[in-house]
C-alpha atoms as a PDB file:
ATOM      1  CA  MET A   1       0.000   0.000   0.000  1.00  0.00           C
ATOM      2  CA  ASN A   2       1.175   3.535  -0.764  1.00  0.00           C
ATOM      3  CA  ALA A   3       3.058   5.048   2.156  1.00  0.00           C
ATOM      4  CA  PHE A   4       0.846   8.147   2.062  1.00  0.00           C
ATOM      5  CA  ILE A   5      -2.309   6.179   2.721  1.00  0.00           C
ATOM      6  CA  PRO A   6      -2.487   4.869   6.295  1.00  0.00           C
ATOM      7  CA  THR A   7      -4.408   1.655   6.723  1.00  0.00           C
ATOM      8  CA  THR A   8      -7.340   3.526   8.290  1.00  0.00           C
ATOM      9  CA  LEU A   9      -7.802   6.124   5.537  1.00  0.00           C
ATOM     10  CA  ARG A  10     -11.207   5.801   3.962  1.00  0.00           C
ATOM     11  CA  SER A  11     -12.593   9.308   3.656  1.00  0.00           C
ATOM     12  CA  LEU A  12     -11.308  12.735   2.605  1.00  0.00           C
ATOM     13  CA  LEU A  13     -13.465  15.781   3.342  1.00  0.00           C
ATOM     14  CA  PHE A  14     -13.250  18.970   1.279  1.00  0.00           C
ATOM     15  CA  VAL A  15     -13.469  21.984   3.595  1.00  0.00           C
ATOM     16  CA  PRO A  16     -14.050  25.521   2.249  1.00  0.00           C
ATOM     17  CA  SER A  17     -11.270  27.663   3.678  1.00  0.00           C
ATOM     18  CA  ASP A  18     -13.266  30.901   3.701  1.00  0.00           C
ATOM     19  CA  SER A  19     -15.573  29.829   6.531  1.00  0.00           C
ATOM     20  CA  LYS A  20     -14.535  29.811  10.190  1.00  0.00           C
ATOM     21  CA  ARG A  21     -17.556  27.700  11.009  1.00  0.00           C
ATOM     22  CA  LYS A  22     -16.753  25.013   8.425  1.00  0.00           C
ATOM     23  CA  LEU A  23     -13.076  24.964   9.353  1.00  0.00           C
ATOM     24  CA  ALA A  24     -13.972  24.395  13.003  1.00  0.00           C
ATOM     25  CA  ALA A  25     -16.607  21.786  12.140  1.00  0.00           C
ATOM     26  CA  SER A  26     -14.098  19.800  10.075  1.00  0.00           C
ATOM     27  CA  LEU A  27     -12.305  18.784  13.277  1.00  0.00           C
ATOM     28  CA  ARG A  28     -15.464  16.972  14.404  1.00  0.00           C
ATOM     29  CA  SER A  29     -16.284  15.380  11.056  1.00  0.00           C
ATOM     30  CA  GLY A  30     -14.664  11.983  11.605  1.00  0.00           C
ATOM     31  CA  ALA A  31     -12.918  12.176   8.242  1.00  0.00           C
ATOM     32  CA  ASP A  32      -9.572  10.436   7.939  1.00  0.00           C
ATOM     33  CA  ALA A  33      -8.170  13.328   5.881  1.00  0.00           C
ATOM     34  CA  LEU A  34      -9.183  16.959   5.505  1.00  0.00           C
ATOM     35  CA  ILE A  35      -8.706  18.805   2.209  1.00  0.00           C
ATOM     36  CA  PHE A  36      -8.768  22.515   2.957  1.00  0.00           C
ATOM     37  CA  ASP A  37      -9.985  24.122  -0.251  1.00  0.00           C
ATOM     38  CA  LEU A  38      -8.526  27.363  -1.578  1.00  0.00           C
ATOM     39  CA  GLU A  39      -9.751  26.756  -5.117  1.00  0.00           C
ATOM     40  CA  ASP A  40     -13.314  26.062  -6.309  1.00  0.00           C
ATOM     41  CA  ALA A  41     -14.973  26.580  -2.922  1.00  0.00           C
ATOM     42  CA  VAL A  42     -13.607  30.141  -2.670  1.00  0.00           C
ATOM     43  CA  PRO A  43     -14.715  32.988  -4.986  1.00  0.00           C
ATOM     44  CA  GLU A  44     -11.993  34.933  -6.785  1.00  0.00           C
ATOM     45  CA  VAL A  45     -12.448  38.041  -4.647  1.00  0.00           C
ATOM     46  CA  GLY A  46     -12.065  36.000  -1.456  1.00  0.00           C
ATOM     47  CA  LYS A  47      -8.864  34.091  -2.228  1.00  0.00           C
ATOM     48  CA  ALA A  48      -6.496  36.192  -0.121  1.00  0.00           C
ATOM     49  CA  ASP A  49      -8.847  36.309   2.869  1.00  0.00           C
ATOM     50  CA  ALA A  50      -9.421  32.555   2.717  1.00  0.00           C
ATOM     51  CA  ARG A  51      -5.674  31.952   2.662  1.00  0.00           C
ATOM     52  CA  LYS A  52      -5.205  34.109   5.766  1.00  0.00           C
ATOM     53  CA  LEU A  53      -8.091  32.398   7.536  1.00  0.00           C
ATOM     54  CA  LEU A  54      -6.662  28.960   6.794  1.00  0.00           C
ATOM     55  CA  VAL A  55      -3.218  29.982   8.059  1.00  0.00           C
ATOM     56  CA  GLN A  56      -4.762  31.205  11.324  1.00  0.00           C
ATOM     57  CA  PHE A  57      -6.669  27.939  11.657  1.00  0.00           C
ATOM     58  CA  LEU A  58      -3.563  25.817  11.050  1.00  0.00           C
ATOM     59  CA  GLU A  59      -1.513  27.917  13.483  1.00  0.00           C
ATOM     60  CA  ALA A  60      -4.100  27.154  16.149  1.00  0.00           C
ATOM     61  CA  HIS A  61      -4.809  23.491  15.408  1.00  0.00           C
ATOM     62  CA  ARG A  62      -2.184  21.869  13.159  1.00  0.00           C
ATOM     63  CA  GLU A  63      -0.089  20.208  15.864  1.00  0.00           C
ATOM     64  CA  ALA A  64      -3.100  18.550  17.514  1.00  0.00           C
ATOM     65  CA  MET A  65      -4.870  17.409  14.350  1.00  0.00           C
ATOM     66  CA  SER A  66      -5.162  13.648  13.865  1.00  0.00           C
ATOM     67  CA  PRO A  67      -6.582  13.570  10.309  1.00  0.00           C
ATOM     68  CA  LEU A  68      -4.173  13.958   7.419  1.00  0.00           C
ATOM     69  CA  VAL A  69      -3.866  17.617   6.434  1.00  0.00           C
ATOM     70  CA  CYS A  70      -4.198  18.317   2.725  1.00  0.00           C
ATOM     71  CA  VAL A  71      -4.733  21.612   0.915  1.00  0.00           C
ATOM     72  CA  ARG A  72      -6.238  22.108  -2.528  1.00  0.00           C
ATOM     73  CA  ILE A  73      -4.339  25.047  -3.922  1.00  0.00           C
ATOM     74  CA  ASN A  74      -5.243  27.123  -6.932  1.00  0.00           C
ATOM     75  CA  GLY A  75      -4.070  25.791 -10.264  1.00  0.00           C
ATOM     76  CA  LEU A  76      -0.681  26.117 -11.906  1.00  0.00           C
ATOM     77  CA  SER A  77      -1.966  28.694 -14.384  1.00  0.00           C
ATOM     78  CA  THR A  78      -3.359  31.067 -11.734  1.00  0.00           C
ATOM     79  CA  THR A  79      -1.764  34.052 -10.050  1.00  0.00           C
ATOM     80  CA  HIS A  80      -2.595  32.569  -6.623  1.00  0.00           C
ATOM     81  CA  LEU A  81      -0.350  29.506  -6.812  1.00  0.00           C
ATOM     82  CA  LEU A  82       2.847  30.929  -5.313  1.00  0.00           C
ATOM     83  CA  ASP A  83       1.004  32.790  -2.555  1.00  0.00           C
ATOM     84  CA  ASP A  84      -0.846  29.583  -1.659  1.00  0.00           C
ATOM     85  CA  LEU A  85       2.372  27.583  -1.374  1.00  0.00           C
ATOM     86  CA  ALA A  86       4.195  30.294   0.581  1.00  0.00           C
ATOM     87  CA  ALA A  87       1.368  30.367   3.108  1.00  0.00           C
ATOM     88  CA  ILE A  88       0.795  26.621   3.408  1.00  0.00           C
ATOM     89  CA  VAL A  89       4.213  24.937   3.237  1.00  0.00           C
ATOM     90  CA  PRO A  90       5.381  26.253   6.660  1.00  0.00           C
ATOM     91  CA  HIS A  91       2.536  24.269   8.237  1.00  0.00           C
ATOM     92  CA  ARG A  92       3.865  20.997   6.793  1.00  0.00           C
ATOM     93  CA  PRO A  93       0.779  19.645   5.032  1.00  0.00           C
ATOM     94  CA  ASP A  94       0.715  15.930   4.324  1.00  0.00           C
ATOM     95  CA  ALA A  95      -0.261  16.601   0.733  1.00  0.00           C
ATOM     96  CA  ILE A  96      -1.058  19.324  -1.740  1.00  0.00           C
ATOM     97  CA  VAL A  97      -4.081  18.645  -3.939  1.00  0.00           C
ATOM     98  CA  LEU A  98      -3.413  19.873  -7.478  1.00  0.00           C
ATOM     99  CA  PRO A  99      -6.565  20.828  -9.402  1.00  0.00           C
ATOM    100  CA  LYS A 100      -6.976  20.724 -13.194  1.00  0.00           C
ATOM    101  CA  CYS A 101      -3.925  18.480 -13.475  1.00  0.00           C
ATOM    102  CA  ARG A 102      -3.289  17.691 -17.139  1.00  0.00           C
ATOM    103  CA  ASN A 103      -0.518  15.085 -16.915  1.00  0.00           C
ATOM    104  CA  ALA A 104       2.666  14.096 -15.087  1.00  0.00           C
ATOM    105  CA  ASP A 105       4.417  17.237 -16.335  1.00  0.00           C
ATOM    106  CA  ASP A 106       2.130  19.301 -14.092  1.00  0.00           C
ATOM    107  CA  VAL A 107       3.062  17.097 -11.136  1.00  0.00           C
ATOM    108  CA  HIS A 108       6.749  17.639 -11.936  1.00  0.00           C
ATOM    109  CA  ARG A 109       6.192  21.424 -11.999  1.00  0.00           C
ATOM    110  CA  LEU A 110       4.446  21.422  -8.626  1.00  0.00           C
ATOM    111  CA  SER A 111       7.122  19.113  -7.225  1.00  0.00           C
ATOM    112  CA  ASP A 112       9.802  21.609  -8.249  1.00  0.00           C
ATOM    113  CA  PHE A 113       7.899  24.451  -6.598  1.00  0.00           C
ATOM    114  CA  LEU A 114       7.495  22.419  -3.417  1.00  0.00           C
ATOM    115  CA  SER A 115      11.193  21.583  -3.287  1.00  0.00           C
ATOM    116  CA  ALA A 116      12.076  25.266  -3.552  1.00  0.00           C
ATOM    117  CA  TYR A 117       9.589  26.363  -0.893  1.00  0.00           C
ATOM    118  CA  GLU A 118      10.518  23.560   1.487  1.00  0.00           C
ATOM    119  CA  HIS A 119      14.186  24.459   1.208  1.00  0.00           C
ATOM    120  CA  ALA A 120      13.533  28.184   1.644  1.00  0.00           C
ATOM    121  CA  LEU A 121      10.901  28.016   4.373  1.00  0.00           C
ATOM    122  CA  LEU A 122      11.721  24.805   6.243  1.00  0.00           C
ATOM    123  CA  GLY A 123      15.427  24.424   5.581  1.00  0.00           C
ATOM    124  CA  SER A 124      14.892  20.869   4.406  1.00  0.00           C
ATOM    125  CA  THR A 125      13.091  18.717   1.883  1.00  0.00           C
ATOM    126  CA  GLN A 126       9.830  17.853   3.606  1.00  0.00           C
ATOM    127  CA  GLN A 127       8.670  15.672   0.702  1.00  0.00           C
ATOM    128  CA  THR A 128       5.118  16.956   0.848  1.00  0.00           C
ATOM    129  CA  GLY A 129       2.916  14.591  -1.107  1.00  0.00           C
ATOM    130  CA  ILE A 130       0.828  15.480  -4.147  1.00  0.00           C
ATOM    131  CA  ILE A 131      -2.689  14.314  -4.959  1.00  0.00           C
ATOM    132  CA  ALA A 132      -3.498  15.017  -8.598  1.00  0.00           C
ATOM    133  CA  MET A 133      -7.093  15.753  -9.576  1.00  0.00           C
ATOM    134  CA  ALA A 134      -6.599  14.040 -12.879  1.00  0.00           C
ATOM    135  CA  THR A 135      -9.897  14.024 -14.782  1.00  0.00           C
ATOM    136  CA  GLU A 136     -11.272  17.538 -14.390  1.00  0.00           C
ATOM    137  CA  THR A 137     -10.720  18.280 -18.080  1.00  0.00           C
ATOM    138  CA  SER A 138     -10.729  16.216 -21.257  1.00  0.00           C
ATOM    139  CA  GLU A 139      -7.017  17.024 -21.571  1.00  0.00           C
ATOM    140  CA  GLY A 140      -6.495  15.502 -18.139  1.00  0.00           C
ATOM    141  CA  VAL A 141      -8.270  12.305 -19.154  1.00  0.00           C
ATOM    142  CA  PHE A 142      -5.997  11.922 -22.175  1.00  0.00           C
ATOM    143  CA  GLY A 143      -2.957  12.552 -19.949  1.00  0.00           C
ATOM    144  CA  LEU A 144      -3.684   9.683 -17.546  1.00  0.00           C
ATOM    145  CA  ALA A 145      -1.156   7.312 -19.102  1.00  0.00           C
ATOM    146  CA  SER A 146       1.691   9.727 -18.281  1.00  0.00           C
ATOM    147  CA  TYR A 147       1.585   9.173 -14.509  1.00  0.00           C
ATOM    148  CA  ARG A 148       3.719   6.053 -14.597  1.00  0.00           C
ATOM    149  CA  ASN A 149       6.602   8.538 -14.990  1.00  0.00           C
ATOM    150  CA  ALA A 150       5.461  10.906 -12.237  1.00  0.00           C
ATOM    151  CA  PRO A 151       7.778  12.043  -9.426  1.00  0.00           C
ATOM    152  CA  MET A 152       7.880  10.231  -6.108  1.00  0.00           C
ATOM    153  CA  ARG A 153       5.791  12.956  -4.484  1.00  0.00           C
ATOM    154  CA  LEU A 154       2.704  11.715  -6.326  1.00  0.00           C
ATOM    155  CA  ARG A 155       0.639   9.835  -3.762  1.00  0.00           C
ATOM    156  CA  ALA A 156      -2.762   9.444  -5.408  1.00  0.00           C
ATOM    157  CA  LEU A 157      -4.970  10.252  -8.376  1.00  0.00           C
ATOM    158  CA  MET A 158      -8.465  11.562  -7.727  1.00  0.00           C
ATOM    159  CA  TRP A 159     -11.122  11.626 -10.368  1.00  0.00           C
ATOM    160  CA  GLY A 160     -13.650  14.448 -10.512  1.00  0.00           C
ATOM    161  CA  VAL A 161     -17.120  14.835 -11.987  1.00  0.00           C
ATOM    162  CA  ASP A 162     -18.405  18.399 -12.027  1.00  0.00           C
ATOM    163  CA  ASP A 163     -15.433  20.106 -13.660  1.00  0.00           C
ATOM    164  CA  LEU A 164     -15.303  17.422 -16.330  1.00  0.00           C
ATOM    165  CA  ALA A 165     -19.018  17.861 -16.973  1.00  0.00           C
ATOM    166  CA  ALA A 166     -18.485  21.595 -17.454  1.00  0.00           C
ATOM    167  CA  ASP A 167     -15.577  20.931 -19.802  1.00  0.00           C
ATOM    168  CA  LEU A 168     -17.656  18.521 -21.879  1.00  0.00           C
ATOM    169  CA  GLY A 169     -20.781  20.670 -21.795  1.00  0.00           C
ATOM    170  CA  ALA A 170     -22.759  17.854 -20.176  1.00  0.00           C
ATOM    171  CA  PHE A 171     -25.891  18.811 -18.265  1.00  0.00           C
ATOM    172  CA  SER A 172     -25.547  15.772 -15.998  1.00  0.00           C
ATOM    173  CA  ALA A 173     -23.007  13.030 -15.387  1.00  0.00           C
ATOM    174  CA  HIS A 174     -25.688  10.575 -14.262  1.00  0.00           C
ATOM    175  CA  ALA A 175     -28.644   8.711 -15.679  1.00  0.00           C
ATOM    176  CA  GLY A 176     -30.478   7.874 -12.480  1.00  0.00           C
ATOM    177  CA  ARG A 177     -27.805   6.593 -10.091  1.00  0.00           C
ATOM    178  CA  GLU A 178     -25.501   5.369 -12.851  1.00  0.00           C
ATOM    179  CA  LEU A 179     -22.742   7.393 -14.483  1.00  0.00           C
ATOM    180  CA  THR A 180     -23.214   8.081 -18.169  1.00  0.00           C
ATOM    181  CA  SER A 181     -20.609   6.590 -20.481  1.00  0.00           C
ATOM    182  CA  PRO A 182     -18.131   9.520 -20.743  1.00  0.00           C
ATOM    183  CA  PHE A 183     -17.854   9.758 -16.973  1.00  0.00           C
ATOM    184  CA  SER A 184     -17.762   6.011 -16.430  1.00  0.00           C
ATOM    185  CA  VAL A 185     -14.851   5.854 -18.878  1.00  0.00           C
ATOM    186  CA  ALA A 186     -12.994   8.675 -17.074  1.00  0.00           C
ATOM    187  CA  ARG A 187     -13.514   6.995 -13.697  1.00  0.00           C
ATOM    188  CA  THR A 188     -12.243   3.649 -14.970  1.00  0.00           C
ATOM    189  CA  MET A 189      -9.250   5.211 -16.714  1.00  0.00           C
ATOM    190  CA  CYS A 190      -8.290   7.080 -13.532  1.00  0.00           C
ATOM    191  CA  LEU A 191      -8.445   3.849 -11.529  1.00  0.00           C
ATOM    192  CA  LEU A 192      -6.295   2.010 -14.081  1.00  0.00           C
ATOM    193  CA  ALA A 193      -3.817   4.891 -14.337  1.00  0.00           C
ATOM    194  CA  ALA A 194      -3.357   4.908 -10.568  1.00  0.00           C
ATOM    195  CA  ALA A 195      -2.691   1.168 -10.570  1.00  0.00           C
ATOM    196  CA  GLN A 196      -0.184   1.573 -13.410  1.00  0.00           C
ATOM    197  CA  ALA A 197       1.588   4.369 -11.528  1.00  0.00           C
ATOM    198  CA  GLY A 198       1.619   2.428  -8.256  1.00  0.00           C
ATOM    199  CA  VAL A 199      -0.362   5.079  -6.364  1.00  0.00           C
ATOM    200  CA  ASP A 200      -3.790   5.148  -4.752  1.00  0.00           C
ATOM    201  CA  ALA A 201      -7.021   6.005  -6.548  1.00  0.00           C
ATOM    202  CA  ILE A 202      -9.547   8.225  -4.761  1.00  0.00           C
ATOM    203  CA  ASP A 203     -13.203   8.217  -5.782  1.00  0.00           C
ATOM    204  CA  ALA A 204     -14.967  11.477  -6.563  1.00  0.00           C
ATOM    205  CA  VAL A 205     -17.163  13.608  -4.352  1.00  0.00           C
ATOM    206  CA  SER A 206     -20.893  12.950  -4.538  1.00  0.00           C
ATOM    207  CA  THR A 207     -23.028  16.071  -4.778  1.00  0.00           C
ATOM    208  CA  LYS A 208     -26.090  14.197  -3.548  1.00  0.00           C
ATOM    209  CA  LEU A 209     -27.119  15.445  -0.104  1.00  0.00           C
ATOM    210  CA  GLY A 210     -29.407  13.824   2.418  1.00  0.00           C
ATOM    211  CA  ASP A 211     -29.323  10.259   1.057  1.00  0.00           C
ATOM    212  CA  GLU A 212     -26.967   8.328   3.310  1.00  0.00           C
ATOM    213  CA  VAL A 213     -27.962   4.994   1.773  1.00  0.00           C
ATOM    214  CA  GLN A 214     -26.977   6.162  -1.705  1.00  0.00           C
ATOM    215  CA  ILE A 215     -23.681   7.557  -0.452  1.00  0.00           C
ATOM    216  CA  GLU A 216     -22.834   4.274   1.250  1.00  0.00           C
ATOM    217  CA  GLU A 217     -23.763   2.302  -1.877  1.00  0.00           C
ATOM    218  CA  GLU A 218     -21.616   4.597  -4.017  1.00  0.00           C
ATOM    219  CA  ALA A 219     -18.678   4.222  -1.622  1.00  0.00           C
ATOM    220  CA  ALA A 220     -19.120   0.449  -1.520  1.00  0.00           C
ATOM    221  CA  ARG A 221     -18.943   0.319  -5.329  1.00  0.00           C
ATOM    222  CA  ALA A 222     -15.781   2.402  -5.227  1.00  0.00           C
ATOM    223  CA  ARG A 223     -14.157   0.013  -2.752  1.00  0.00           C
ATOM    224  CA  ARG A 224     -15.342  -2.989  -4.777  1.00  0.00           C
ATOM    225  CA  ASP A 225     -13.733  -1.570  -7.910  1.00  0.00           C
ATOM    226  CA  GLY A 226     -10.390  -0.906  -6.217  1.00  0.00           C
ATOM    227  CA  PHE A 227     -10.465   2.702  -5.031  1.00  0.00           C
ATOM    228  CA  ALA A 228      -8.498   3.236  -1.830  1.00  0.00           C
ATOM    229  CA  ALA A 229     -10.759   5.963  -0.444  1.00  0.00           C
ATOM    230  CA  LYS A 230     -13.551   8.365  -1.364  1.00  0.00           C
ATOM    231  CA  ALA A 231     -13.750  12.129  -1.171  1.00  0.00           C
ATOM    232  CA  ALA A 232     -16.713  13.959   0.335  1.00  0.00           C
ATOM    233  CA  GLY A 233     -18.065  17.462  -0.024  1.00  0.00           C
ATOM    234  CA  HIS A 234     -20.181  17.426   3.125  1.00  0.00           C
ATOM    235  CA  PRO A 235     -19.555  16.119   6.669  1.00  0.00           C
ATOM    236  CA  SER A 236     -22.822  14.165   6.592  1.00  0.00           C
ATOM    237  CA  HIS A 237     -21.259  11.772   4.042  1.00  0.00           C
ATOM    238  CA  ILE A 238     -18.303  10.748   6.183  1.00  0.00           C
ATOM    239  CA  ALA A 239     -19.904   8.108   8.388  1.00  0.00           C
ATOM    240  CA  ALA A 240     -21.410   6.287   5.403  1.00  0.00           C
ATOM    241  CA  ILE A 241     -18.114   6.350   3.506  1.00  0.00           C
ATOM    242  CA  ASN A 242     -16.173   5.099   6.520  1.00  0.00           C
ATOM    243  CA  ARG A 243     -18.584   2.200   6.971  1.00  0.00           C
ATOM    244  CA  ALA A 244     -18.392   1.226   3.314  1.00  0.00           C
ATOM    245  CA  PHE A 245     -14.604   1.058   3.292  1.00  0.00           C
ATOM    246  CA  VAL A 246     -14.330  -1.293   6.266  1.00  0.00           C
ATOM    247  CA  PRO A 247     -13.755  -4.876   5.017  1.00  0.00           C
ATOM    248  CA  ARG A 248     -16.656  -7.189   5.811  1.00  0.00           C
ATOM    249  CA  GLU A 249     -16.160 -10.048   8.242  1.00  0.00           C
ATOM    250  CA  GLU A 250     -16.402 -12.655   5.497  1.00  0.00           C
ATOM    251  CA  GLU A 251     -13.739 -10.838   3.456  1.00  0.00           C
ATOM    252  CA  VAL A 252     -11.350 -10.750   6.378  1.00  0.00           C
ATOM    253  CA  ALA A 253     -11.985 -14.431   7.125  1.00  0.00           C
ATOM    254  CA  TRP A 254     -11.320 -15.306   3.458  1.00  0.00           C
ATOM    255  CA  ALA A 255      -8.091 -13.259   3.470  1.00  0.00           C
ATOM    256  CA  ARG A 256      -6.773 -15.020   6.562  1.00  0.00           C
ATOM    257  CA  LYS A 257      -7.547 -18.413   5.027  1.00  0.00           C
ATOM    258  CA  VAL A 258      -5.686 -17.434   1.844  1.00  0.00           C
ATOM    259  CA  VAL A 259      -2.590 -16.322   3.751  1.00  0.00           C
ATOM    260  CA  GLU A 260      -2.690 -19.457   5.866  1.00  0.00           C
ATOM    261  CA  ALA A 261      -3.054 -21.675   2.790  1.00  0.00           C
ATOM    262  CA  PHE A 262      -0.026 -20.124   1.090  1.00  0.00           C
ATOM    263  CA  SER A 263       2.025 -20.302   4.280  1.00  0.00           C
ATOM    264  CA  ARG A 264       1.560 -24.088   4.248  1.00  0.00           C
ATOM    265  CA  VAL A 265       2.795 -24.587   0.677  1.00  0.00           C
ATOM    266  CA  GLY A 266       5.750 -22.194   0.697  1.00  0.00           C
ATOM    267  CA  ALA A 267       6.826 -21.071  -2.786  1.00  0.00           C
ATOM    268  CA  SER A 268       4.026 -22.796  -4.666  1.00  0.00           C
ATOM    269  CA  GLY A 269       2.173 -20.458  -7.036  1.00  0.00           C
ATOM    270  CA  VAL A 270      -1.191 -22.238  -6.827  1.00  0.00           C
ATOM    271  CA  VAL A 271      -3.023 -23.714  -3.839  1.00  0.00           C
ATOM    272  CA  ARG A 272      -6.427 -25.185  -3.143  1.00  0.00           C
ATOM    273  CA  LEU A 273      -8.836 -23.368  -0.839  1.00  0.00           C
ATOM    274  CA  GLY A 274     -11.935 -25.469  -0.320  1.00  0.00           C
ATOM    275  CA  ASP A 275     -13.198 -26.309  -3.799  1.00  0.00           C
ATOM    276  CA  THR A 276     -11.381 -23.366  -5.432  1.00  0.00           C
ATOM    277  CA  MET A 277      -7.900 -23.029  -6.877  1.00  0.00           C
ATOM    278  CA  ILE A 278      -6.240 -19.729  -5.960  1.00  0.00           C
ATOM    279  CA  ASP A 279      -2.942 -18.171  -7.034  1.00  0.00           C
ATOM    280  CA  ARG A 280      -0.633 -15.267  -6.229  1.00  0.00           C
ATOM    281  CA  PRO A 281      -3.038 -12.466  -7.259  1.00  0.00           C
ATOM    282  CA  HIS A 282      -5.457 -13.778  -4.617  1.00  0.00           C
ATOM    283  CA  LEU A 283      -2.652 -13.594  -2.050  1.00  0.00           C
ATOM    284  CA  ARG A 284      -1.933  -9.971  -2.971  1.00  0.00           C
ATOM    285  CA  LEU A 285      -5.617  -9.148  -2.539  1.00  0.00           C
ATOM    286  CA  ALA A 286      -5.668 -10.925   0.811  1.00  0.00           C
ATOM    287  CA  HIS A 287      -2.718  -8.855   2.001  1.00  0.00           C
ATOM    288  CA  ARG A 288      -4.468  -5.643   0.941  1.00  0.00           C
ATOM    289  CA  ILE A 289      -7.557  -6.582   2.933  1.00  0.00           C
ATOM    290  CA  LEU A 290      -5.530  -7.453   6.028  1.00  0.00           C
ATOM    291  CA  CYS A 291      -3.585  -4.193   5.759  1.00  0.00           C
ATOM    292  CA  GLN A 292      -6.872  -2.379   6.227  1.00  0.00           C
ATOM    293  CA  VAL A 293      -7.804  -4.220   9.407  1.00  0.00           C
ATOM    294  CA  ASP A 294      -4.601  -4.949  11.256  1.00  0.00           C
ATOM    295  CA  GLY A 295      -1.622  -3.747   9.245  1.00  0.00           C
ATOM    296  CA  GLU A 296      -0.389  -7.174   8.137  1.00  0.00           C
ATOM    297  CA  ASP A 297       1.755  -7.133   5.038  1.00  0.00           C
END
């Protein structure tokens, strides 16, 4: 499992950084990671004030915070980028979330900026991680294959819905509860690109409010498909996401049986488990499940 993702990480909550109330409430959300948002959640005229408010919040709470601390900065093409990094890097975030990421070249650019700011402001290379929001534009979707050559700072790829819909001119990304084909393709490609790059895939935010059952079903599908975690845009989604990403008892029992079966046969590539033949890919899956529950490798 990627070193950035602790075994308990299931949920990441986006938190608008221009609201004292929402910043304070994030500490009670139960999310495993907080993504303090300086980009889409903040209007253009409020960028500087939001940055100051977030700095004050981190000065007061950063040392005592148990969730991972991530910050979505403004994009590489904006005039806010350098001010965002200068304000945030001194507070040693676990990761910077890069919006509108087009390809690995953008990750390299941000990595270079981070190295410079870490050296200047911290006197060391902190190795702040990067989460790339990789499908917010059609250009980003076509750049997904490039991440196998991304720098070591890249920790995860997150796929997004609303920005991609705006880029495509789509009125909706869903037909009922199902994604329409362009968005289903982007989601699948992001998941495959993350696997190819050896980093985690994070499922998109759901904009549906007030339907905890749907949120949990959506999160369960994400876990089933191989996503490591799911992002949320509202604190009310966190409990459902966290529940969905906990391995079920029968999955854990199966994983322990697989590990035990392979431990008996040593280097053999294929073993029998009940009336089923299993091989090394099943063992890798078993290890992933056990990592989530007790840290076994």
